[in-house]
Amino acid sequence: MLGPGKAELLERIRDCGSIAAAGRSMSMSYKRAWMLVEEMNNAFRNPLVDCTRGGTKGGGARLTAAGLEVLTNYRKLEEIMAEAGAARIGLIRSMLKDIPSGK
């Protein structure tokens, strides 16, 4: 229930304080961002994102303690996998064709 895109969405909600702004910064519709947040909140025992509705004072969103913990652990797991797989990644890269643009 968590992958690179959802982790990025959580980071952007943390940084922007808004699901709408986080979605916009990822070129994602508000509806799609909201749906992903709902999926994550429903998948975990505790919600990852706490939302307040808009209105005259405006709404917002923030990561809960569970959201921060899940995001931190996910990013750490990515680091561990990158370190453990560095040799294999290098082998795969060595098999790629050279691209003139360097990409």
C-alpha atoms as a PDB file:
ATOM      1  CA  MET A   1       0.000   0.000   0.000  1.00  0.00           C
ATOM      2  CA  LEU A   2       3.025   2.260  -0.192  1.00  0.00           C
ATOM      3  CA  GLY A   3       5.382   2.821  -3.073  1.00  0.00           C
ATOM      4  CA  PRO A   4       7.540   5.585  -4.516  1.00  0.00           C
ATOM      5  CA  GLY A   5       4.636   7.745  -5.707  1.00  0.00           C
ATOM      6  CA  LYS A   6       2.691   7.556  -2.465  1.00  0.00           C
ATOM      7  CA  ALA A   7       5.852   8.220  -0.452  1.00  0.00           C
ATOM      8  CA  GLU A   8       6.483  11.316  -2.562  1.00  0.00           C
ATOM      9  CA  LEU A   9       2.881  12.415  -2.047  1.00  0.00           C
ATOM     10  CA  LEU A  10       3.308  12.057   1.724  1.00  0.00           C
ATOM     11  CA  GLU A  11       6.498  14.132   1.589  1.00  0.00           C
ATOM     12  CA  ARG A  12       4.807  16.860  -0.387  1.00  0.00           C
ATOM     13  CA  ILE A  13       1.788  16.913   1.935  1.00  0.00           C
ATOM     14  CA  ARG A  14       4.254  17.254   4.821  1.00  0.00           C
ATOM     15  CA  ASP A  15       6.021  20.121   3.046  1.00  0.00           C
ATOM     16  CA  CYS A  16       2.966  21.892   1.552  1.00  0.00           C
ATOM     17  CA  GLY A  17       0.390  21.341   4.280  1.00  0.00           C
ATOM     18  CA  SER A  18      -2.230  20.622   1.649  1.00  0.00           C
ATOM     19  CA  ILE A  19      -3.351  17.641  -0.400  1.00  0.00           C
ATOM     20  CA  ALA A  20      -4.321  19.932  -3.279  1.00  0.00           C
ATOM     21  CA  ALA A  21      -0.942  21.704  -3.319  1.00  0.00           C
ATOM     22  CA  ALA A  22       0.912  18.405  -2.975  1.00  0.00           C
ATOM     23  CA  GLY A  23      -1.029  16.947  -5.896  1.00  0.00           C
ATOM     24  CA  ARG A  24      -0.463  20.053  -8.040  1.00  0.00           C
ATOM     25  CA  SER A  25       3.269  19.907  -7.369  1.00  0.00           C
ATOM     26  CA  MET A  26       3.225  16.363  -8.774  1.00  0.00           C
ATOM     27  CA  SER A  27       0.988  17.278 -11.759  1.00  0.00           C
ATOM     28  CA  MET A  28      -1.760  15.194 -10.167  1.00  0.00           C
ATOM     29  CA  SER A  29      -5.415  16.081  -9.857  1.00  0.00           C
ATOM     30  CA  TYR A  30      -6.829  16.801  -6.422  1.00  0.00           C
ATOM     31  CA  LYS A  31      -9.218  13.881  -6.880  1.00  0.00           C
ATOM     32  CA  ARG A  32      -6.331  11.474  -7.556  1.00  0.00           C
ATOM     33  CA  ALA A  33      -4.269  12.792  -4.635  1.00  0.00           C
ATOM     34  CA  TRP A  34      -7.266  12.545  -2.298  1.00  0.00           C
ATOM     35  CA  MET A  35      -7.980   8.986  -3.485  1.00  0.00           C
ATOM     36  CA  LEU A  36      -4.385   7.942  -2.770  1.00  0.00           C
ATOM     37  CA  VAL A  37      -4.544   9.495   0.696  1.00  0.00           C
ATOM     38  CA  GLU A  38      -7.773   7.636   1.401  1.00  0.00           C
ATOM     39  CA  GLU A  39      -6.196   4.365   0.230  1.00  0.00           C
ATOM     40  CA  MET A  40      -3.244   4.857   2.560  1.00  0.00           C
ATOM     41  CA  ASN A  41      -5.395   5.944   5.498  1.00  0.00           C
ATOM     42  CA  ASN A  42      -7.608   2.879   5.052  1.00  0.00           C
ATOM     43  CA  ALA A  43      -4.692   0.457   4.662  1.00  0.00           C
ATOM     44  CA  PHE A  44      -2.877   1.323   7.894  1.00  0.00           C
ATOM     45  CA  ARG A  45      -4.122   0.822  11.450  1.00  0.00           C
ATOM     46  CA  ASN A  46      -3.771   4.546  12.085  1.00  0.00           C
ATOM     47  CA  PRO A  47      -4.313   7.237   9.435  1.00  0.00           C
ATOM     48  CA  LEU A  48      -1.184   8.636   7.834  1.00  0.00           C
ATOM     49  CA  VAL A  49      -2.709  11.984   6.879  1.00  0.00           C
ATOM     50  CA  ASP A  50      -4.984  14.185   8.980  1.00  0.00           C
ATOM     51  CA  CYS A  51      -7.165  16.543   6.950  1.00  0.00           C
ATOM     52  CA  THR A  52      -9.225  19.566   7.869  1.00  0.00           C
ATOM     53  CA  ARG A  53     -11.931  20.783   5.533  1.00  0.00           C
ATOM     54  CA  GLY A  54     -11.723  24.120   3.810  1.00  0.00           C
ATOM     55  CA  GLY A  55     -13.960  27.042   4.522  1.00  0.00           C
ATOM     56  CA  THR A  56     -13.387  30.660   5.422  1.00  0.00           C
ATOM     57  CA  LYS A  57     -10.136  29.808   7.190  1.00  0.00           C
ATOM     58  CA  GLY A  58      -9.111  27.254   4.564  1.00  0.00           C
ATOM     59  CA  GLY A  59      -8.370  23.613   5.055  1.00  0.00           C
ATOM     60  CA  GLY A  60      -5.168  21.741   5.239  1.00  0.00           C
ATOM     61  CA  ALA A  61      -3.480  18.421   5.736  1.00  0.00           C
ATOM     62  CA  ARG A  62      -0.611  17.162   7.814  1.00  0.00           C
ATOM     63  CA  LEU A  63       1.106  13.861   8.371  1.00  0.00           C
ATOM     64  CA  THR A  64       0.180  12.143  11.592  1.00  0.00           C
ATOM     65  CA  ALA A  65       2.802  10.563  13.847  1.00  0.00           C
ATOM     66  CA  ALA A  66       2.046   7.275  12.070  1.00  0.00           C
ATOM     67  CA  GLY A  67       2.477   8.978   8.690  1.00  0.00           C
ATOM     68  CA  LEU A  68       5.860  10.383   9.649  1.00  0.00           C
ATOM     69  CA  GLU A  69       6.961   6.990  10.993  1.00  0.00           C
ATOM     70  CA  VAL A  70       5.824   5.107   7.889  1.00  0.00           C
ATOM     71  CA  LEU A  71       7.515   7.642   5.585  1.00  0.00           C
ATOM     72  CA  THR A  72      10.774   7.569   7.567  1.00  0.00           C
ATOM     73  CA  ASN A  73      10.853   3.763   7.554  1.00  0.00           C
ATOM     74  CA  TYR A  74      10.021   3.592   3.849  1.00  0.00           C
ATOM     75  CA  ARG A  75      12.856   5.978   2.934  1.00  0.00           C
ATOM     76  CA  LYS A  76      15.287   4.056   5.170  1.00  0.00           C
ATOM     77  CA  LEU A  77      14.250   0.808   3.493  1.00  0.00           C
ATOM     78  CA  GLU A  78      14.988   2.404   0.104  1.00  0.00           C
ATOM     79  CA  GLU A  79      18.489   3.307   1.326  1.00  0.00           C
ATOM     80  CA  ILE A  80      19.112  -0.228   2.576  1.00  0.00           C
ATOM     81  CA  MET A  81      17.934  -1.758  -0.699  1.00  0.00           C
ATOM     82  CA  ALA A  82      20.054   0.629  -2.778  1.00  0.00           C
ATOM     83  CA  GLU A  83      23.159  -0.229  -0.743  1.00  0.00           C
ATOM     84  CA  ALA A  84      22.488  -3.960  -0.822  1.00  0.00           C
ATOM     85  CA  GLY A  85      21.701  -3.940  -4.537  1.00  0.00           C
ATOM     86  CA  ALA A  86      24.454  -1.565  -5.684  1.00  0.00           C
ATOM     87  CA  ALA A  87      26.518  -4.321  -7.308  1.00  0.00           C
ATOM     88  CA  ARG A  88      23.518  -5.737  -9.177  1.00  0.00           C
ATOM     89  CA  ILE A  89      22.429  -2.266 -10.274  1.00  0.00           C
ATOM     90  CA  GLY A  90      25.964  -1.693 -11.580  1.00  0.00           C
ATOM     91  CA  LEU A  91      25.841  -4.950 -13.522  1.00  0.00           C
ATOM     92  CA  ILE A  92      22.534  -4.016 -15.113  1.00  0.00           C
ATOM     93  CA  ARG A  93      23.810  -0.524 -15.974  1.00  0.00           C
ATOM     94  CA  SER A  94      26.912  -2.046 -17.587  1.00  0.00           C
ATOM     95  CA  MET A  95      24.608  -3.950 -19.929  1.00  0.00           C
ATOM     96  CA  LEU A  96      22.886  -0.799 -21.200  1.00  0.00           C
ATOM     97  CA  LYS A  97      23.795   0.785 -24.517  1.00  0.00           C
ATOM     98  CA  ASP A  98      25.686   4.049 -24.419  1.00  0.00           C
ATOM     99  CA  ILE A  99      23.361   6.956 -25.066  1.00  0.00           C
ATOM    100  CA  PRO A 100      24.919  10.041 -26.674  1.00  0.00           C
ATOM    101  CA  SER A 101      22.928  12.455 -24.510  1.00  0.00           C
ATOM    102  CA  GLY A 102      24.262  10.750 -21.389  1.00  0.00           C
ATOM    103  CA  LYS A 103      20.820   9.876 -20.028  1.00  0.00           C
END
